[in-house]
Amino acid sequence: MLVLVLWRYRAWRPVRNLTILSFVLVAVQGVIGMLSVAATFGDLGLGAAYPAFVTAHLGVATAFLAVAMWNATEVFRGMPPEMAVSPKPPTRAVES
């Protein structure tokens, strides 16, 4: 999605920014998930921080859902700027 938005819809600023934010949240989600698993099964001494990692993981997931829904409303609300140019008026067929 990020590649498509940056390639085709870069001028559609709200959608572009929300898509970049979604990508960042997914990356953060991956890191927090990795730390959560490491706290559970690893020998890194992170066992005491496990509840904080799980809570942060849930919080980031909730934020991602909110940003995805916000992005969807922006997409369905209107057209991208370059497509918003008014089309040619329809031509009427001449009746004989």
N, C-alpha and C. Protein backbone atom coordinates (compact mmCIF):
# COMPACT_ATOMS: atom_id res chain seq x y z
N MET A 1 0.82 -1.18 0.00
CA MET A 1 0.00 0.00 0.00
C MET A 1 0.87 1.26 0.00
N LEU A 2 1.92 1.23 0.80
CA LEU A 2 2.81 2.39 0.85
C LEU A 2 3.43 2.67 -0.51
N VAL A 3 3.90 1.63 -1.18
CA VAL A 3 4.52 1.81 -2.50
C VAL A 3 3.50 2.37 -3.49
N LEU A 4 2.29 1.84 -3.49
CA LEU A 4 1.25 2.33 -4.41
C LEU A 4 0.92 3.79 -4.14
N VAL A 5 0.75 4.14 -2.88
CA VAL A 5 0.40 5.53 -2.55
C VAL A 5 1.53 6.48 -2.92
N LEU A 6 2.77 6.09 -2.62
CA LEU A 6 3.90 6.97 -2.97
C LEU A 6 4.14 7.05 -4.47
N TRP A 7 3.76 6.01 -5.18
CA TRP A 7 3.98 5.98 -6.63
C TRP A 7 2.87 6.72 -7.38
N ARG A 8 1.60 6.45 -7.03
CA ARG A 8 0.50 6.99 -7.82
C ARG A 8 -0.23 8.16 -7.19
N TYR A 9 -0.28 8.23 -5.85
CA TYR A 9 -1.14 9.21 -5.18
C TYR A 9 -0.35 10.09 -4.22
N ARG A 10 0.84 10.43 -4.57
CA ARG A 10 1.70 11.23 -3.69
C ARG A 10 1.10 12.60 -3.39
N ALA A 11 0.36 13.17 -4.33
CA ALA A 11 -0.21 14.50 -4.13
C ALA A 11 -1.42 14.49 -3.20
N TRP A 12 -1.97 13.32 -2.93
CA TRP A 12 -3.14 13.19 -2.05
C TRP A 12 -2.63 13.16 -0.61
N ARG A 13 -2.35 14.33 -0.08
CA ARG A 13 -1.60 14.46 1.16
C ARG A 13 -2.19 13.71 2.36
N PRO A 14 -3.49 13.80 2.65
CA PRO A 14 -4.00 13.06 3.82
C PRO A 14 -3.80 11.55 3.71
N VAL A 15 -4.07 11.00 2.54
CA VAL A 15 -3.92 9.56 2.34
C VAL A 15 -2.44 9.18 2.40
N ARG A 16 -1.59 9.99 1.81
CA ARG A 16 -0.15 9.71 1.85
C ARG A 16 0.37 9.70 3.28
N ASN A 17 0.02 10.71 4.05
CA ASN A 17 0.51 10.81 5.42
C ASN A 17 -0.03 9.69 6.30
N LEU A 18 -1.30 9.35 6.14
CA LEU A 18 -1.87 8.27 6.94
C LEU A 18 -1.30 6.92 6.55
N THR A 19 -0.97 6.73 5.28
CA THR A 19 -0.37 5.47 4.85
C THR A 19 1.06 5.35 5.41
N ILE A 20 1.80 6.43 5.41
CA ILE A 20 3.14 6.41 5.99
C ILE A 20 3.05 6.12 7.49
N LEU A 21 2.09 6.74 8.17
CA LEU A 21 1.90 6.48 9.59
C LEU A 21 1.52 5.03 9.84
N SER A 22 0.70 4.45 8.99
CA SER A 22 0.33 3.04 9.11
C SER A 22 1.56 2.15 8.98
N PHE A 23 2.41 2.47 8.02
CA PHE A 23 3.63 1.69 7.82
C PHE A 23 4.54 1.76 9.05
N VAL A 24 4.67 2.95 9.61
CA VAL A 24 5.50 3.12 10.81
C VAL A 24 4.90 2.33 11.98
N LEU A 25 3.59 2.37 12.12
CA LEU A 25 2.95 1.63 13.21
C LEU A 25 3.13 0.13 13.06
N VAL A 26 3.09 -0.38 11.83
CA VAL A 26 3.32 -1.81 11.62
C VAL A 26 4.77 -2.17 11.98
N ALA A 27 5.71 -1.32 11.64
CA ALA A 27 7.11 -1.58 12.00
C ALA A 27 7.29 -1.57 13.52
N VAL A 28 6.69 -0.60 14.19
CA VAL A 28 6.76 -0.53 15.65
C VAL A 28 6.08 -1.75 16.26
N GLN A 29 4.97 -2.17 15.68
CA GLN A 29 4.25 -3.35 16.15
C GLN A 29 5.14 -4.59 16.07
N GLY A 30 5.88 -4.71 15.00
CA GLY A 30 6.79 -5.84 14.86
C GLY A 30 7.88 -5.85 15.90
N VAL A 31 8.44 -4.68 16.17
CA VAL A 31 9.51 -4.59 17.18
C VAL A 31 8.95 -4.91 18.57
N ILE A 32 7.80 -4.36 18.90
CA ILE A 32 7.21 -4.63 20.22
C ILE A 32 6.83 -6.10 20.33
N GLY A 33 6.32 -6.69 19.28
CA GLY A 33 6.00 -8.11 19.30
C GLY A 33 7.24 -8.96 19.50
N MET A 34 8.31 -8.59 18.85
CA MET A 34 9.58 -9.32 19.03
C MET A 34 10.07 -9.22 20.47
N LEU A 35 9.99 -8.02 21.05
CA LEU A 35 10.42 -7.84 22.44
C LEU A 35 9.51 -8.61 23.39
N SER A 36 8.24 -8.67 23.07
CA SER A 36 7.30 -9.41 23.91
C SER A 36 7.63 -10.90 23.92
N VAL A 37 7.92 -11.44 22.76
CA VAL A 37 8.29 -12.86 22.67
C VAL A 37 9.64 -13.09 23.36
N ALA A 38 10.57 -12.17 23.18
CA ALA A 38 11.87 -12.31 23.83
C ALA A 38 11.73 -12.24 25.35
N ALA A 39 10.81 -11.43 25.84
CA ALA A 39 10.59 -11.34 27.28
C ALA A 39 9.99 -12.62 27.82
N THR A 40 9.20 -13.30 27.00
CA THR A 40 8.56 -14.53 27.45
C THR A 40 9.51 -15.71 27.39
N PHE A 41 10.20 -15.88 26.27
CA PHE A 41 10.98 -17.10 26.04
C PHE A 41 12.49 -16.91 26.06
N GLY A 42 12.95 -15.67 26.02
CA GLY A 42 14.39 -15.43 25.91
C GLY A 42 15.08 -15.27 27.25
N ASP A 43 16.36 -15.25 27.21
CA ASP A 43 17.18 -15.06 28.40
C ASP A 43 17.78 -13.65 28.43
N LEU A 44 16.99 -12.66 28.02
CA LEU A 44 17.48 -11.29 27.96
C LEU A 44 17.21 -10.53 29.25
N GLY A 45 16.55 -11.14 30.21
CA GLY A 45 16.22 -10.45 31.45
C GLY A 45 15.09 -9.46 31.30
N LEU A 46 14.20 -9.69 30.35
CA LEU A 46 13.09 -8.78 30.11
C LEU A 46 11.78 -9.29 30.71
N GLY A 47 11.84 -10.33 31.50
CA GLY A 47 10.62 -10.95 32.02
C GLY A 47 9.74 -9.99 32.80
N ALA A 48 10.34 -9.08 33.57
CA ALA A 48 9.56 -8.14 34.37
C ALA A 48 8.84 -7.12 33.49
N ALA A 49 9.33 -6.90 32.29
CA ALA A 49 8.72 -5.90 31.39
C ALA A 49 7.65 -6.50 30.49
N TYR A 50 7.40 -7.80 30.61
CA TYR A 50 6.43 -8.47 29.73
C TYR A 50 5.06 -7.79 29.74
N PRO A 51 4.45 -7.45 30.89
CA PRO A 51 3.14 -6.78 30.85
C PRO A 51 3.18 -5.45 30.10
N ALA A 52 4.26 -4.73 30.23
CA ALA A 52 4.37 -3.44 29.51
C ALA A 52 4.45 -3.66 28.01
N PHE A 53 5.18 -4.70 27.58
CA PHE A 53 5.28 -4.99 26.15
C PHE A 53 3.93 -5.40 25.58
N VAL A 54 3.20 -6.24 26.33
CA VAL A 54 1.89 -6.69 25.85
C VAL A 54 0.92 -5.52 25.77
N THR A 55 0.95 -4.65 26.76
CA THR A 55 0.08 -3.47 26.76
C THR A 55 0.43 -2.53 25.61
N ALA A 56 1.71 -2.31 25.38
CA ALA A 56 2.14 -1.46 24.27
C ALA A 56 1.75 -2.09 22.93
N HIS A 57 1.88 -3.40 22.84
CA HIS A 57 1.51 -4.12 21.61
C HIS A 57 0.02 -3.92 21.31
N LEU A 58 -0.81 -4.04 22.31
CA LEU A 58 -2.24 -3.81 22.14
C LEU A 58 -2.54 -2.35 21.80
N GLY A 59 -1.84 -1.43 22.45
CA GLY A 59 -2.05 -0.01 22.17
C GLY A 59 -1.69 0.36 20.75
N VAL A 60 -0.57 -0.15 20.26
CA VAL A 60 -0.16 0.14 18.88
C VAL A 60 -1.13 -0.50 17.89
N ALA A 61 -1.62 -1.70 18.20
CA ALA A 61 -2.60 -2.34 17.33
C ALA A 61 -3.88 -1.52 17.25
N THR A 62 -4.31 -0.98 18.38
CA THR A 62 -5.50 -0.13 18.39
C THR A 62 -5.27 1.15 17.61
N ALA A 63 -4.09 1.73 17.76
CA ALA A 63 -3.76 2.94 16.99
C ALA A 63 -3.72 2.63 15.49
N PHE A 64 -3.16 1.48 15.13
CA PHE A 64 -3.12 1.10 13.71
C PHE A 64 -4.52 0.95 13.15
N LEU A 65 -5.41 0.31 13.91
CA LEU A 65 -6.80 0.15 13.45
C LEU A 65 -7.45 1.51 13.25
N ALA A 66 -7.23 2.44 14.19
CA ALA A 66 -7.81 3.78 14.06
C ALA A 66 -7.27 4.50 12.83
N VAL A 67 -5.97 4.41 12.59
CA VAL A 67 -5.37 5.08 11.43
C VAL A 67 -5.86 4.44 10.13
N ALA A 68 -6.01 3.12 10.11
CA ALA A 68 -6.51 2.44 8.91
C ALA A 68 -7.95 2.85 8.61
N MET A 69 -8.77 2.97 9.65
CA MET A 69 -10.15 3.40 9.44
C MET A 69 -10.20 4.86 8.97
N TRP A 70 -9.37 5.71 9.55
CA TRP A 70 -9.30 7.11 9.15
C TRP A 70 -8.87 7.21 7.70
N ASN A 71 -7.88 6.41 7.31
CA ASN A 71 -7.41 6.41 5.93
C ASN A 71 -8.51 5.95 4.98
N ALA A 72 -9.26 4.93 5.38
CA ALA A 72 -10.36 4.44 4.54
C ALA A 72 -11.42 5.51 4.35
N THR A 73 -11.72 6.27 5.40
CA THR A 73 -12.72 7.33 5.24
C THR A 73 -12.21 8.43 4.31
N GLU A 74 -10.90 8.72 4.37
CA GLU A 74 -10.34 9.71 3.45
C GLU A 74 -10.42 9.23 2.01
N VAL A 75 -10.16 7.95 1.79
CA VAL A 75 -10.21 7.41 0.43
C VAL A 75 -11.64 7.44 -0.11
N PHE A 76 -12.59 7.02 0.70
CA PHE A 76 -13.97 6.97 0.23
C PHE A 76 -14.65 8.32 0.20
N ARG A 77 -14.06 9.31 0.86
CA ARG A 77 -14.66 10.64 0.91
C ARG A 77 -14.50 11.40 -0.41
N GLY A 78 -13.39 11.20 -1.12
CA GLY A 78 -13.20 11.99 -2.32
C GLY A 78 -12.16 11.41 -3.24
N MET A 79 -11.95 12.12 -4.33
CA MET A 79 -10.99 11.69 -5.34
C MET A 79 -9.62 12.30 -5.08
N PRO A 80 -8.58 11.64 -5.60
CA PRO A 80 -7.24 12.24 -5.49
C PRO A 80 -7.19 13.58 -6.22
N PRO A 81 -6.31 14.48 -5.84
CA PRO A 81 -6.27 15.82 -6.43
C PRO A 81 -6.14 15.83 -7.95
N GLU A 82 -5.29 14.96 -8.52
CA GLU A 82 -5.11 15.01 -9.98
C GLU A 82 -6.33 14.48 -10.73
N MET A 83 -7.18 13.70 -10.05
CA MET A 83 -8.38 13.18 -10.70
C MET A 83 -9.59 14.08 -10.45
N ALA A 84 -9.44 15.07 -9.60
CA ALA A 84 -10.55 15.93 -9.24
C ALA A 84 -10.81 17.02 -10.27
N VAL A 85 -10.08 17.04 -11.35
CA VAL A 85 -10.30 18.01 -12.41
C VAL A 85 -11.65 17.72 -13.04
N SER A 86 -12.43 18.76 -13.24
CA SER A 86 -13.78 18.53 -13.77
C SER A 86 -13.70 17.96 -15.18
N PRO A 87 -14.45 16.91 -15.44
CA PRO A 87 -14.41 16.29 -16.76
C PRO A 87 -15.12 17.15 -17.79
N LYS A 88 -14.96 16.78 -19.07
CA LYS A 88 -15.65 17.49 -20.13
C LYS A 88 -17.15 17.34 -19.93
N PRO A 89 -17.89 18.38 -20.28
CA PRO A 89 -19.34 18.23 -20.15
C PRO A 89 -19.84 17.17 -21.13
N PRO A 90 -20.87 16.45 -20.76
CA PRO A 90 -21.37 15.41 -21.65
C PRO A 90 -21.94 16.02 -22.93
N THR A 91 -21.73 15.35 -24.02
CA THR A 91 -22.27 15.82 -25.30
C THR A 91 -23.63 15.17 -25.51
N ARG A 92 -24.51 15.94 -26.04
CA ARG A 92 -25.86 15.42 -26.31
C ARG A 92 -25.95 14.99 -27.77
N ALA A 93 -26.57 13.89 -27.93
CA ALA A 93 -26.77 13.42 -29.30
C ALA A 93 -27.85 14.29 -29.96
N VAL A 94 -27.61 14.63 -31.20
CA VAL A 94 -28.57 15.44 -31.95
C VAL A 94 -29.67 14.55 -32.47
N GLU A 95 -30.89 14.87 -32.06
CA GLU A 95 -32.01 14.06 -32.52
C GLU A 95 -32.49 14.56 -33.86
N SER A 96 -32.75 13.65 -34.75
CA SER A 96 -33.19 14.05 -36.09
C SER A 96 -34.68 13.89 -36.22
